[in-house]
Amino acid sequence: MRVYETLFIVKPDLSQEDAIKVFESFKENITNNGGKIINEEVWGKKTLAYKIQKFSEGYYFLINFEAEPTYPKELERRLKLNESVIRFIVVKIDGKKFKLKKQAPAPEETPKAEEQPAEEKTEE
């Protein structure tokens, strides 16, 4: 089994619940065809860099999964046929060079030097 990543964008005129149903259907399709979901991310509604099919926004979804080498073509076919999906990409991940990492939480901001009260010097 090989590791793959797919990112797809769903039309913004769907409700968020309907967009998530599309996402869930692709996850279910992956597992029903012998694949294993490694990581999934719902990025939500984002602005596109340029218009696609007259849309300037879309719901972004990312899935990392393991599957047989023949499955990605089937997934691409299903993504093409789904009218709710406006753009997609499926790529093979090279496991030797790439390891999936969880997103680290944003570091907490430390107060700047200007914001800290200065110590007063007293001469004795």
PDB file of N, CA and C in Angstrom:
ATOM      1  N   MET A   1       0.847  -1.181   0.000  1.00  0.00           N
ATOM      2  CA  MET A   1       0.000   0.000   0.000  1.00  0.00           C
ATOM      3  C   MET A   1       0.889   1.240   0.000  1.00  0.00           C
ATOM      4  N   ARG A   2       0.438   2.250  -0.703  1.00  0.00           N
ATOM      5  CA  ARG A   2       1.181   3.502  -0.809  1.00  0.00           C
ATOM      6  C   ARG A   2       0.408   4.622  -0.128  1.00  0.00           C
ATOM      7  N   VAL A   3       1.128   5.686   0.192  1.00  0.00           N
ATOM      8  CA  VAL A   3       0.513   6.831   0.860  1.00  0.00           C
ATOM      9  C   VAL A   3       0.203   7.904  -0.177  1.00  0.00           C
ATOM     10  N   TYR A   4      -1.022   8.423  -0.115  1.00  0.00           N
ATOM     11  CA  TYR A   4      -1.480   9.454  -1.040  1.00  0.00           C
ATOM     12  C   TYR A   4      -2.076  10.613  -0.258  1.00  0.00           C
ATOM     13  N   GLU A   5      -2.166  11.744  -0.944  1.00  0.00           N
ATOM     14  CA  GLU A   5      -2.804  12.924  -0.362  1.00  0.00           C
ATOM     15  C   GLU A   5      -3.743  13.491  -1.412  1.00  0.00           C
ATOM     16  N   THR A   6      -4.941  13.826  -0.998  1.00  0.00           N
ATOM     17  CA  THR A   6      -5.865  14.498  -1.905  1.00  0.00           C
ATOM     18  C   THR A   6      -6.374  15.768  -1.245  1.00  0.00           C
ATOM     19  N   LEU A   7      -6.434  16.800  -2.034  1.00  0.00           N
ATOM     20  CA  LEU A   7      -6.991  18.080  -1.604  1.00  0.00           C
ATOM     21  C   LEU A   7      -8.068  18.415  -2.618  1.00  0.00           C
ATOM     22  N   PHE A   8      -9.264  18.721  -2.138  1.00  0.00           N
ATOM     23  CA  PHE A   8     -10.312  19.106  -3.077  1.00  0.00           C
ATOM     24  C   PHE A   8     -11.111  20.275  -2.531  1.00  0.00           C
ATOM     25  N   ILE A   9     -11.706  21.019  -3.474  1.00  0.00           N
ATOM     26  CA  ILE A   9     -12.472  22.220  -3.151  1.00  0.00           C
ATOM     27  C   ILE A   9     -13.913  21.977  -3.582  1.00  0.00           C
ATOM     28  N   VAL A  10     -14.839  22.247  -2.661  1.00  0.00           N
ATOM     29  CA  VAL A  10     -16.263  22.052  -2.909  1.00  0.00           C
ATOM     30  C   VAL A  10     -16.917  23.418  -3.117  1.00  0.00           C
ATOM     31  N   LYS A  11     -17.925  23.462  -3.972  1.00  0.00           N
ATOM     32  CA  LYS A  11     -18.630  24.708  -4.296  1.00  0.00           C
ATOM     33  C   LYS A  11     -19.104  25.436  -3.035  1.00  0.00           C
ATOM     34  N   PRO A  12     -18.969  26.767  -3.011  1.00  0.00           N
ATOM     35  CA  PRO A  12     -19.374  27.524  -1.828  1.00  0.00           C
ATOM     36  C   PRO A  12     -20.881  27.728  -1.710  1.00  0.00           C
ATOM     37  N   ASP A  13     -21.642  27.453  -2.774  1.00  0.00           N
ATOM     38  CA  ASP A  13     -23.084  27.661  -2.677  1.00  0.00           C
ATOM     39  C   ASP A  13     -23.783  26.539  -1.910  1.00  0.00           C
ATOM     40  N   LEU A  14     -23.057  25.494  -1.548  1.00  0.00           N
ATOM     41  CA  LEU A  14     -23.597  24.451  -0.671  1.00  0.00           C
ATOM     42  C   LEU A  14     -23.523  24.932   0.774  1.00  0.00           C
ATOM     43  N   SER A  15     -24.382  24.393   1.616  1.00  0.00           N
ATOM     44  CA  SER A  15     -24.261  24.696   3.044  1.00  0.00           C
ATOM     45  C   SER A  15     -23.043  23.944   3.583  1.00  0.00           C
ATOM     46  N   GLN A  16     -22.564  24.357   4.740  1.00  0.00           N
ATOM     47  CA  GLN A  16     -21.398  23.698   5.320  1.00  0.00           C
ATOM     48  C   GLN A  16     -21.700  22.223   5.602  1.00  0.00           C
ATOM     49  N   GLU A  17     -22.922  21.933   6.031  1.00  0.00           N
ATOM     50  CA  GLU A  17     -23.304  20.547   6.314  1.00  0.00           C
ATOM     51  C   GLU A  17     -23.251  19.698   5.041  1.00  0.00           C
ATOM     52  N   ASP A  18     -23.738  20.262   3.919  1.00  0.00           N
ATOM     53  CA  ASP A  18     -23.708  19.522   2.656  1.00  0.00           C
ATOM     54  C   ASP A  18     -22.279  19.318   2.163  1.00  0.00           C
ATOM     55  N   ALA A  19     -21.428  20.327   2.354  1.00  0.00           N
ATOM     56  CA  ALA A  19     -20.021  20.200   1.958  1.00  0.00           C
ATOM     57  C   ALA A  19     -19.345  19.103   2.776  1.00  0.00           C
ATOM     58  N   ILE A  20     -19.669  19.027   4.055  1.00  0.00           N
ATOM     59  CA  ILE A  20     -19.087  17.983   4.914  1.00  0.00           C
ATOM     60  C   ILE A  20     -19.605  16.608   4.491  1.00  0.00           C
ATOM     61  N   LYS A  21     -20.851  16.528   4.023  1.00  0.00           N
ATOM     62  CA  LYS A  21     -21.386  15.248   3.527  1.00  0.00           C
ATOM     63  C   LYS A  21     -20.592  14.772   2.310  1.00  0.00           C
ATOM     64  N   VAL A  22     -20.223  15.704   1.428  1.00  0.00           N
ATOM     65  CA  VAL A  22     -19.397  15.350   0.264  1.00  0.00           C
ATOM     66  C   VAL A  22     -18.055  14.805   0.743  1.00  0.00           C
ATOM     67  N   PHE A  23     -17.444  15.492   1.719  1.00  0.00           N
ATOM     68  CA  PHE A  23     -16.169  15.075   2.310  1.00  0.00           C
ATOM     69  C   PHE A  23     -16.296  13.674   2.911  1.00  0.00           C
ATOM     70  N   GLU A  24     -17.354  13.451   3.682  1.00  0.00           N
ATOM     71  CA  GLU A  24     -17.566  12.148   4.321  1.00  0.00           C
ATOM     72  C   GLU A  24     -17.762  11.046   3.274  1.00  0.00           C
ATOM     73  N   SER A  25     -18.428  11.380   2.163  1.00  0.00           N
ATOM     74  CA  SER A  25     -18.651  10.360   1.130  1.00  0.00           C
ATOM     75  C   SER A  25     -17.331   9.923   0.495  1.00  0.00           C
ATOM     76  N   PHE A  26     -16.391  10.861   0.311  1.00  0.00           N
ATOM     77  CA  PHE A  26     -15.092  10.480  -0.250  1.00  0.00           C
ATOM     78  C   PHE A  26     -14.272   9.679   0.760  1.00  0.00           C
ATOM     79  N   LYS A  27     -14.358  10.032   2.044  1.00  0.00           N
ATOM     80  CA  LYS A  27     -13.670   9.239   3.071  1.00  0.00           C
ATOM     81  C   LYS A  27     -14.214   7.809   3.092  1.00  0.00           C
ATOM     82  N   GLU A  28     -15.526   7.699   3.018  1.00  0.00           N
ATOM     83  CA  GLU A  28     -16.166   6.386   3.022  1.00  0.00           C
ATOM     84  C   GLU A  28     -15.754   5.581   1.790  1.00  0.00           C
ATOM     85  N   ASN A  29     -15.657   6.242   0.646  1.00  0.00           N
ATOM     86  CA  ASN A  29     -15.247   5.566  -0.581  1.00  0.00           C
ATOM     87  C   ASN A  29     -13.825   5.032  -0.467  1.00  0.00           C
ATOM     88  N   ILE A  30     -12.947   5.807   0.155  1.00  0.00           N
ATOM     89  CA  ILE A  30     -11.557   5.367   0.342  1.00  0.00           C
ATOM     90  C   ILE A  30     -11.517   4.101   1.196  1.00  0.00           C
ATOM     91  N   THR A  31     -12.219   4.116   2.324  1.00  0.00           N
ATOM     92  CA  THR A  31     -12.189   2.954   3.220  1.00  0.00           C
ATOM     93  C   THR A  31     -12.906   1.748   2.614  1.00  0.00           C
ATOM     94  N   ASN A  32     -13.975   1.978   1.847  1.00  0.00           N
ATOM     95  CA  ASN A  32     -14.697   0.866   1.210  1.00  0.00           C
ATOM     96  C   ASN A  32     -13.868   0.188   0.125  1.00  0.00           C
ATOM     97  N   ASN A  33     -12.886   0.885  -0.418  1.00  0.00           N
ATOM     98  CA  ASN A  33     -12.024   0.315  -1.455  1.00  0.00           C
ATOM     99  C   ASN A  33     -10.694  -0.179  -0.889  1.00  0.00           C
ATOM    100  N   GLY A  34     -10.661  -0.473   0.400  1.00  0.00           N
ATOM    101  CA  GLY A  34      -9.482  -1.068   1.013  1.00  0.00           C
ATOM    102  C   GLY A  34      -8.442  -0.074   1.486  1.00  0.00           C
ATOM    103  N   GLY A  35      -8.756   1.212   1.454  1.00  0.00           N
ATOM    104  CA  GLY A  35      -7.809   2.224   1.909  1.00  0.00           C
ATOM    105  C   GLY A  35      -7.918   2.472   3.404  1.00  0.00           C
ATOM    106  N   LYS A  36      -6.957   3.209   3.912  1.00  0.00           N
ATOM    107  CA  LYS A  36      -6.933   3.545   5.336  1.00  0.00           C
ATOM    108  C   LYS A  36      -6.670   5.040   5.458  1.00  0.00           C
ATOM    109  N   ILE A  37      -7.540   5.753   6.161  1.00  0.00           N
ATOM    110  CA  ILE A  37      -7.383   7.191   6.360  1.00  0.00           C
ATOM    111  C   ILE A  37      -6.290   7.407   7.403  1.00  0.00           C
ATOM    112  N   ILE A  38      -5.284   8.203   7.057  1.00  0.00           N
ATOM    113  CA  ILE A  38      -4.197   8.517   7.980  1.00  0.00           C
ATOM    114  C   ILE A  38      -4.470   9.839   8.685  1.00  0.00           C
ATOM    115  N   ASN A  39      -4.884  10.822   7.900  1.00  0.00           N
ATOM    116  CA  ASN A  39      -5.112  12.165   8.435  1.00  0.00           C
ATOM    117  C   ASN A  39      -6.205  12.818   7.607  1.00  0.00           C
ATOM    118  N   GLU A  40      -7.022  13.609   8.253  1.00  0.00           N
ATOM    119  CA  GLU A  40      -8.055  14.364   7.541  1.00  0.00           C
ATOM    120  C   GLU A  40      -8.139  15.758   8.143  1.00  0.00           C
ATOM    121  N   GLU A  41      -8.335  16.733   7.284  1.00  0.00           N
ATOM    122  CA  GLU A  41      -8.431  18.115   7.747  1.00  0.00           C
ATOM    123  C   GLU A  41      -9.545  18.823   6.997  1.00  0.00           C
ATOM    124  N   VAL A  42     -10.365  19.537   7.744  1.00  0.00           N
ATOM    125  CA  VAL A  42     -11.391  20.390   7.161  1.00  0.00           C
ATOM    126  C   VAL A  42     -10.881  21.813   7.312  1.00  0.00           C
ATOM    127  N   TRP A  43     -10.526  22.432   6.201  1.00  0.00           N
ATOM    128  CA  TRP A  43      -9.973  23.782   6.249  1.00  0.00           C
ATOM    129  C   TRP A  43     -11.057  24.845   6.246  1.00  0.00           C
ATOM    130  N   GLY A  44     -12.264  24.474   5.895  1.00  0.00           N
ATOM    131  CA  GLY A  44     -13.372  25.418   5.896  1.00  0.00           C
ATOM    132  C   GLY A  44     -13.457  26.228   4.612  1.00  0.00           C
ATOM    133  N   LYS A  45     -14.245  27.290   4.677  1.00  0.00           N
ATOM    134  CA  LYS A  45     -14.480  28.129   3.504  1.00  0.00           C
ATOM    135  C   LYS A  45     -13.353  29.142   3.384  1.00  0.00           C
ATOM    136  N   LYS A  46     -12.697  29.146   2.231  1.00  0.00           N
ATOM    137  CA  LYS A  46     -11.571  30.048   1.992  1.00  0.00           C
ATOM    138  C   LYS A  46     -11.765  30.744   0.659  1.00  0.00           C
ATOM    139  N   THR A  47     -11.108  31.893   0.525  1.00  0.00           N
ATOM    140  CA  THR A  47     -11.125  32.632  -0.729  1.00  0.00           C
ATOM    141  C   THR A  47     -10.126  32.005  -1.688  1.00  0.00           C
ATOM    142  N   LEU A  48     -10.541  31.830  -2.939  1.00  0.00           N
ATOM    143  CA  LEU A  48      -9.668  31.256  -3.959  1.00  0.00           C
ATOM    144  C   LEU A  48      -8.718  32.323  -4.488  1.00  0.00           C
ATOM    145  N   ALA A  49      -7.578  31.914  -4.976  1.00  0.00           N
ATOM    146  CA  ALA A  49      -6.603  32.849  -5.550  1.00  0.00           C
ATOM    147  C   ALA A  49      -7.146  33.451  -6.843  1.00  0.00           C
ATOM    148  N   TYR A  50      -7.950  32.687  -7.567  1.00  0.00           N
ATOM    149  CA  TYR A  50      -8.586  33.163  -8.797  1.00  0.00           C
ATOM    150  C   TYR A  50      -9.916  32.426  -8.933  1.00  0.00           C
ATOM    151  N   LYS A  51     -10.805  32.956  -9.735  1.00  0.00           N
ATOM    152  CA  LYS A  51     -12.128  32.360  -9.883  1.00  0.00           C
ATOM    153  C   LYS A  51     -12.046  31.018 -10.608  1.00  0.00           C
ATOM    154  N   ILE A  52     -12.818  30.070 -10.099  1.00  0.00           N
ATOM    155  CA  ILE A  52     -12.947  28.754 -10.716  1.00  0.00           C
ATOM    156  C   ILE A  52     -14.441  28.529 -10.923  1.00  0.00           C
ATOM    157  N   GLN A  53     -14.846  28.330 -12.161  1.00  0.00           N
ATOM    158  CA  GLN A  53     -16.257  28.131 -12.503  1.00  0.00           C
ATOM    159  C   GLN A  53     -17.130  29.247 -11.919  1.00  0.00           C
ATOM    160  N   LYS A  54     -16.653  30.467 -11.999  1.00  0.00           N
ATOM    161  CA  LYS A  54     -17.344  31.675 -11.522  1.00  0.00           C
ATOM    162  C   LYS A  54     -17.461  31.756 -10.000  1.00  0.00           C
ATOM    163  N   PHE A  55     -16.726  30.925  -9.269  1.00  0.00           N
ATOM    164  CA  PHE A  55     -16.730  30.968  -7.810  1.00  0.00           C
ATOM    165  C   PHE A  55     -15.435  31.607  -7.326  1.00  0.00           C
ATOM    166  N   SER A  56     -15.538  32.452  -6.301  1.00  0.00           N
ATOM    167  CA  SER A  56     -14.339  33.070  -5.735  1.00  0.00           C
ATOM    168  C   SER A  56     -14.016  32.502  -4.354  1.00  0.00           C
ATOM    169  N   GLU A  57     -14.853  31.580  -3.854  1.00  0.00           N
ATOM    170  CA  GLU A  57     -14.628  30.914  -2.571  1.00  0.00           C
ATOM    171  C   GLU A  57     -14.909  29.426  -2.731  1.00  0.00           C
ATOM    172  N   GLY A  58     -14.496  28.658  -1.738  1.00  0.00           N
ATOM    173  CA  GLY A  58     -14.787  27.230  -1.754  1.00  0.00           C
ATOM    174  C   GLY A  58     -14.446  26.596  -0.419  1.00  0.00           C
ATOM    175  N   TYR A  59     -15.032  25.431  -0.156  1.00  0.00           N
ATOM    176  CA  TYR A  59     -14.728  24.656   1.048  1.00  0.00           C
ATOM    177  C   TYR A  59     -13.557  23.734   0.731  1.00  0.00           C
ATOM    178  N   TYR A  60     -12.498  23.831   1.525  1.00  0.00           N
ATOM    179  CA  TYR A  60     -11.286  23.036   1.304  1.00  0.00           C
ATOM    180  C   TYR A  60     -11.274  21.820   2.233  1.00  0.00           C
ATOM    181  N   PHE A  61     -10.875  20.668   1.666  1.00  0.00           N
ATOM    182  CA  PHE A  61     -10.760  19.428   2.430  1.00  0.00           C
ATOM    183  C   PHE A  61      -9.480  18.704   2.031  1.00  0.00           C
ATOM    184  N   LEU A  62      -8.787  18.150   3.019  1.00  0.00           N
ATOM    185  CA  LEU A  62      -7.537  17.425   2.791  1.00  0.00           C
ATOM    186  C   LEU A  62      -7.656  16.041   3.422  1.00  0.00           C
ATOM    187  N   ILE A  63      -7.234  15.016   2.680  1.00  0.00           N
ATOM    188  CA  ILE A  63      -7.230  13.647   3.204  1.00  0.00           C
ATOM    189  C   ILE A  63      -5.894  13.003   2.851  1.00  0.00           C
ATOM    190  N   ASN A  64      -5.205  12.459   3.847  1.00  0.00           N
ATOM    191  CA  ASN A  64      -4.020  11.628   3.640  1.00  0.00           C
ATOM    192  C   ASN A  64      -4.468  10.188   3.876  1.00  0.00           C
ATOM    193  N   PHE A  65      -4.124   9.302   2.955  1.00  0.00           N
ATOM    194  CA  PHE A  65      -4.603   7.932   3.068  1.00  0.00           C
ATOM    195  C   PHE A  65      -3.622   6.952   2.449  1.00  0.00           C
ATOM    196  N   GLU A  66      -3.754   5.686   2.861  1.00  0.00           N
ATOM    197  CA  GLU A  66      -3.004   4.580   2.271  1.00  0.00           C
ATOM    198  C   GLU A  66      -3.966   3.812   1.377  1.00  0.00           C
ATOM    199  N   ALA A  67      -3.484   3.416   0.199  1.00  0.00           N
ATOM    200  CA  ALA A  67      -4.328   2.650  -0.718  1.00  0.00           C
ATOM    201  C   ALA A  67      -3.460   1.872  -1.691  1.00  0.00           C
ATOM    202  N   GLU A  68      -4.091   0.963  -2.392  1.00  0.00           N
ATOM    203  CA  GLU A  68      -3.412   0.208  -3.442  1.00  0.00           C
ATOM    204  C   GLU A  68      -3.075   1.155  -4.596  1.00  0.00           C
ATOM    205  N   PRO A  69      -2.029   0.859  -5.365  1.00  0.00           N
ATOM    206  CA  PRO A  69      -1.597   1.756  -6.451  1.00  0.00           C
ATOM    207  C   PRO A  69      -2.649   2.017  -7.532  1.00  0.00           C
ATOM    208  N   THR A  70      -3.633   1.143  -7.666  1.00  0.00           N
ATOM    209  CA  THR A  70      -4.654   1.337  -8.702  1.00  0.00           C
ATOM    210  C   THR A  70      -5.800   2.248  -8.254  1.00  0.00           C
ATOM    211  N   TYR A  71      -5.929   2.493  -6.958  1.00  0.00           N
ATOM    212  CA  TYR A  71      -7.085   3.239  -6.456  1.00  0.00           C
ATOM    213  C   TYR A  71      -7.098   4.734  -6.799  1.00  0.00           C
ATOM    214  N   PRO A  72      -5.985   5.456  -6.800  1.00  0.00           N
ATOM    215  CA  PRO A  72      -6.060   6.900  -7.068  1.00  0.00           C
ATOM    216  C   PRO A  72      -6.760   7.270  -8.377  1.00  0.00           C
ATOM    217  N   LYS A  73      -6.629   6.449  -9.405  1.00  0.00           N
ATOM    218  CA  LYS A  73      -7.338   6.742 -10.665  1.00  0.00           C
ATOM    219  C   LYS A  73      -8.844   6.666 -10.464  1.00  0.00           C
ATOM    220  N   GLU A  74      -9.286   5.716  -9.665  1.00  0.00           N
ATOM    221  CA  GLU A  74     -10.717   5.601  -9.364  1.00  0.00           C
ATOM    222  C   GLU A  74     -11.188   6.814  -8.558  1.00  0.00           C
ATOM    223  N   LEU A  75     -10.392   7.244  -7.592  1.00  0.00           N
ATOM    224  CA  LEU A  75     -10.746   8.421  -6.798  1.00  0.00           C
ATOM    225  C   LEU A  75     -10.813   9.660  -7.685  1.00  0.00           C
ATOM    226  N   GLU A  76      -9.848   9.826  -8.580  1.00  0.00           N
ATOM    227  CA  GLU A  76      -9.873  10.962  -9.507  1.00  0.00           C
ATOM    228  C   GLU A  76     -11.124  10.930 -10.377  1.00  0.00           C
ATOM    229  N   ARG A  77     -11.501   9.752 -10.834  1.00  0.00           N
ATOM    230  CA  ARG A  77     -12.710   9.622 -11.654  1.00  0.00           C
ATOM    231  C   ARG A  77     -13.939  10.073 -10.874  1.00  0.00           C
ATOM    232  N   ARG A  78     -14.029   9.661  -9.614  1.00  0.00           N
ATOM    233  CA  ARG A  78     -15.173  10.040  -8.782  1.00  0.00           C
ATOM    234  C   ARG A  78     -15.174  11.539  -8.474  1.00  0.00           C
ATOM    235  N   LEU A  79     -13.994  12.115  -8.252  1.00  0.00           N
ATOM    236  CA  LEU A  79     -13.909  13.556  -8.009  1.00  0.00           C
ATOM    237  C   LEU A  79     -14.345  14.344  -9.246  1.00  0.00           C
ATOM    238  N   LYS A  80     -13.964  13.866 -10.437  1.00  0.00           N
ATOM    239  CA  LYS A  80     -14.369  14.532 -11.686  1.00  0.00           C
ATOM    240  C   LYS A  80     -15.877  14.475 -11.887  1.00  0.00           C
ATOM    241  N   LEU A  81     -16.484  13.345 -11.553  1.00  0.00           N
ATOM    242  CA  LEU A  81     -17.914  13.156 -11.778  1.00  0.00           C
ATOM    243  C   LEU A  81     -18.784  13.885 -10.760  1.00  0.00           C
ATOM    244  N   ASN A  82     -18.251  14.199  -9.601  1.00  0.00           N
ATOM    245  CA  ASN A  82     -19.028  14.876  -8.571  1.00  0.00           C
ATOM    246  C   ASN A  82     -19.151  16.357  -8.926  1.00  0.00           C
ATOM    247  N   GLU A  83     -20.370  16.819  -9.156  1.00  0.00           N
ATOM    248  CA  GLU A  83     -20.596  18.200  -9.579  1.00  0.00           C
ATOM    249  C   GLU A  83     -20.320  19.217  -8.482  1.00  0.00           C
ATOM    250  N   SER A  84     -20.268  18.790  -7.234  1.00  0.00           N
ATOM    251  CA  SER A  84     -19.998  19.710  -6.129  1.00  0.00           C
ATOM    252  C   SER A  84     -18.524  20.069  -6.026  1.00  0.00           C
ATOM    253  N   VAL A  85     -17.642  19.236  -6.581  1.00  0.00           N
ATOM    254  CA  VAL A  85     -16.197  19.460  -6.508  1.00  0.00           C
ATOM    255  C   VAL A  85     -15.779  20.334  -7.687  1.00  0.00           C
ATOM    256  N   ILE A  86     -15.147  21.489  -7.369  1.00  0.00           N
ATOM    257  CA  ILE A  86     -14.731  22.390  -8.449  1.00  0.00           C
ATOM    258  C   ILE A  86     -13.253  22.261  -8.798  1.00  0.00           C
ATOM    259  N   ARG A  87     -12.445  21.710  -7.906  1.00  0.00           N
ATOM    260  CA  ARG A  87     -11.020  21.499  -8.195  1.00  0.00           C
ATOM    261  C   ARG A  87     -10.502  20.430  -7.238  1.00  0.00           C
ATOM    262  N   PHE A  88      -9.535  19.623  -7.717  1.00  0.00           N
ATOM    263  CA  PHE A  88      -8.966  18.579  -6.865  1.00  0.00           C
ATOM    264  C   PHE A  88      -7.566  18.241  -7.341  1.00  0.00           C
ATOM    265  N   ILE A  89      -6.825  17.587  -6.455  1.00  0.00           N
ATOM    266  CA  ILE A  89      -5.520  17.037  -6.799  1.00  0.00           C
ATOM    267  C   ILE A  89      -5.303  15.798  -5.928  1.00  0.00           C
ATOM    268  N   VAL A  90      -4.722  14.769  -6.533  1.00  0.00           N
ATOM    269  CA  VAL A  90      -4.356  13.546  -5.816  1.00  0.00           C
ATOM    270  C   VAL A  90      -2.889  13.290  -6.124  1.00  0.00           C
ATOM    271  N   VAL A  91      -2.056  13.200  -5.088  1.00  0.00           N
ATOM    272  CA  VAL A  91      -0.624  12.978  -5.288  1.00  0.00           C
ATOM    273  C   VAL A  91      -0.138  11.834  -4.402  1.00  0.00           C
ATOM    274  N   LYS A  92       0.910  11.161  -4.888  1.00  0.00           N
ATOM    275  CA  LYS A  92       1.550  10.096  -4.108  1.00  0.00           C
ATOM    276  C   LYS A  92       2.598  10.746  -3.221  1.00  0.00           C
ATOM    277  N   ILE A  93       2.624  10.353  -1.967  1.00  0.00           N
ATOM    278  CA  ILE A  93       3.586  10.882  -1.005  1.00  0.00           C
ATOM    279  C   ILE A  93       4.745   9.902  -0.900  1.00  0.00           C
ATOM    280  N   ASP A  94       5.960  10.411  -1.046  1.00  0.00           N
ATOM    281  CA  ASP A  94       7.148   9.580  -0.896  1.00  0.00           C
ATOM    282  C   ASP A  94       7.415   9.425   0.596  1.00  0.00           C
ATOM    283  N   GLY A  95       7.178   8.240   1.121  1.00  0.00           N
ATOM    284  CA  GLY A  95       7.305   7.993   2.550  1.00  0.00           C
ATOM    285  C   GLY A  95       8.715   8.151   3.090  1.00  0.00           C
ATOM    286  N   LYS A  96       9.738   8.005   2.230  1.00  0.00           N
ATOM    287  CA  LYS A  96      11.115   8.113   2.700  1.00  0.00           C
ATOM    288  C   LYS A  96      11.494   9.556   2.997  1.00  0.00           C
ATOM    289  N   LYS A  97      10.957  10.480   2.225  1.00  0.00           N
ATOM    290  CA  LYS A  97      11.338  11.878   2.379  1.00  0.00           C
ATOM    291  C   LYS A  97      10.323  12.690   3.158  1.00  0.00           C
ATOM    292  N   PHE A  98       9.109  12.180   3.278  1.00  0.00           N
ATOM    293  CA  PHE A  98       8.026  12.967   3.843  1.00  0.00           C
ATOM    294  C   PHE A  98       7.364  12.203   4.975  1.00  0.00           C
ATOM    295  N   LYS A  99       7.197  12.850   6.091  1.00  0.00           N
ATOM    296  CA  LYS A  99       6.467  12.263   7.200  1.00  0.00           C
ATOM    297  C   LYS A  99       5.359  13.227   7.579  1.00  0.00           C
ATOM    298  N   LEU A 100       4.171  12.688   7.781  1.00  0.00           N
ATOM    299  CA  LEU A 100       3.045  13.530   8.149  1.00  0.00           C
ATOM    300  C   LEU A 100       3.258  14.059   9.552  1.00  0.00           C
ATOM    301  N   LYS A 101       3.033  15.343   9.700  1.00  0.00           N
ATOM    302  CA  LYS A 101       3.194  15.971  10.999  1.00  0.00           C
ATOM    303  C   LYS A 101       1.878  16.611  11.399  1.00  0.00           C
ATOM    304  N   LYS A 102       1.589  16.560  12.660  1.00  0.00           N
ATOM    305  CA  LYS A 102       0.432  17.273  13.175  1.00  0.00           C
ATOM    306  C   LYS A 102       0.791  18.745  13.210  1.00  0.00           C
ATOM    307  N   GLN A 103      -0.192  19.587  12.952  1.00  0.00           N
ATOM    308  CA  GLN A 103       0.074  21.016  13.000  1.00  0.00           C
ATOM    309  C   GLN A 103       0.316  21.419  14.447  1.00  0.00           C
ATOM    310  N   ALA A 104       1.412  22.133  14.656  1.00  0.00           N
ATOM    311  CA  ALA A 104       1.745  22.605  15.991  1.00  0.00           C
ATOM    312  C   ALA A 104       0.860  23.798  16.325  1.00  0.00           C
ATOM    313  N   PRO A 105       0.437  23.920  17.577  1.00  0.00           N
ATOM    314  CA  PRO A 105      -0.358  25.090  17.939  1.00  0.00           C
ATOM    315  C   PRO A 105       0.483  26.357  17.812  1.00  0.00           C
ATOM    316  N   ALA A 106      -0.183  27.449  17.540  1.00  0.00           N
ATOM    317  CA  ALA A 106       0.524  28.720  17.384  1.00  0.00           C
ATOM    318  C   ALA A 106       1.207  29.079  18.699  1.00  0.00           C
ATOM    319  N   PRO A 107       2.460  29.523  18.646  1.00  0.00           N
ATOM    320  CA  PRO A 107       3.157  29.878  19.884  1.00  0.00           C
ATOM    321  C   PRO A 107       2.514  31.098  20.526  1.00  0.00           C
ATOM    322  N   GLU A 108       2.509  31.094  21.847  1.00  0.00           N
ATOM    323  CA  GLU A 108       1.938  32.231  22.561  1.00  0.00           C
ATOM    324  C   GLU A 108       2.869  33.423  22.419  1.00  0.00           C
ATOM    325  N   GLU A 109       2.251  34.575  22.272  1.00  0.00           N
ATOM    326  CA  GLU A 109       3.061  35.778  22.111  1.00  0.00           C
ATOM    327  C   GLU A 109       3.650  36.182  23.459  1.00  0.00           C
ATOM    328  N   THR A 110       4.912  36.544  23.431  1.00  0.00           N
ATOM    329  CA  THR A 110       5.557  37.045  24.638  1.00  0.00           C
ATOM    330  C   THR A 110       5.525  38.559  24.582  1.00  0.00           C
ATOM    331  N   PRO A 111       5.386  39.220  25.712  1.00  0.00           N
ATOM    332  CA  PRO A 111       5.340  40.680  25.686  1.00  0.00           C
ATOM    333  C   PRO A 111       6.651  41.253  25.155  1.00  0.00           C
ATOM    334  N   LYS A 112       6.511  42.292  24.374  1.00  0.00           N
ATOM    335  CA  LYS A 112       7.688  42.935  23.805  1.00  0.00           C
ATOM    336  C   LYS A 112       8.409  43.730  24.887  1.00  0.00           C
ATOM    337  N   ALA A 113       9.655  44.065  24.612  1.00  0.00           N
ATOM    338  CA  ALA A 113      10.464  44.811  25.578  1.00  0.00           C
ATOM    339  C   ALA A 113       9.832  46.161  25.893  1.00  0.00           C
ATOM    340  N   GLU A 114       9.182  46.769  24.915  1.00  0.00           N
ATOM    341  CA  GLU A 114       8.560  48.076  25.126  1.00  0.00           C
ATOM    342  C   GLU A 114       7.414  47.986  26.119  1.00  0.00           C
ATOM    343  N   GLU A 115       6.719  46.867  26.132  1.00  0.00           N
ATOM    344  CA  GLU A 115       5.545  46.721  26.969  1.00  0.00           C
ATOM    345  C   GLU A 115       5.891  46.390  28.417  1.00  0.00           C
ATOM    346  N   GLN A 116       7.077  45.888  28.670  1.00  0.00           N
ATOM    347  CA  GLN A 116       7.464  45.540  30.024  1.00  0.00           C
ATOM    348  C   GLN A 116       7.863  46.812  30.771  1.00  0.00           C
ATOM    349  N   PRO A 117       7.454  46.932  32.035  1.00  0.00           N
ATOM    350  CA  PRO A 117       7.830  48.131  32.785  1.00  0.00           C
ATOM    351  C   PRO A 117       9.347  48.161  33.013  1.00  0.00           C
ATOM    352  N   ALA A 118       9.910  49.314  32.800  1.00  0.00           N
ATOM    353  CA  ALA A 118      11.355  49.476  32.984  1.00  0.00           C
ATOM    354  C   ALA A 118      11.658  49.651  34.466  1.00  0.00           C
ATOM    355  N   GLU A 119      12.789  49.112  34.878  1.00  0.00           N
ATOM    356  CA  GLU A 119      13.189  49.265  36.273  1.00  0.00           C
ATOM    357  C   GLU A 119      13.804  50.645  36.451  1.00  0.00           C
ATOM    358  N   GLU A 120      13.425  51.289  37.531  1.00  0.00           N
ATOM    359  CA  GLU A 120      13.971  52.624  37.786  1.00  0.00           C
ATOM    360  C   GLU A 120      15.278  52.490  38.547  1.00  0.00           C
ATOM    361  N   LYS A 121      16.241  53.290  38.144  1.00  0.00           N
ATOM    362  CA  LYS A 121      17.531  53.274  38.826  1.00  0.00           C
ATOM    363  C   LYS A 121      17.517  54.364  39.891  1.00  0.00           C
ATOM    364  N   THR A 122      17.999  54.015  41.058  1.00  0.00           N
ATOM    365  CA  THR A 122      18.110  55.015  42.128  1.00  0.00           C
ATOM    366  C   THR A 122      19.563  55.096  42.548  1.00  0.00           C
ATOM    367  N   GLU A 123      20.009  56.328  42.718  1.00  0.00           N
ATOM    368  CA  GLU A 123      21.391  56.518  43.156  1.00  0.00           C
ATOM    369  C   GLU A 123      21.411  56.699  44.661  1.00  0.00           C
ATOM    370  N   GLU A 124      22.349  56.063  45.312  1.00  0.00           N
ATOM    371  CA  GLU A 124      22.455  56.180  46.759  1.00  0.00           C
ATOM    372  C   GLU A 124      23.705  56.887  47.151  1.00  0.00           C
TER     373      GLU A 124
END
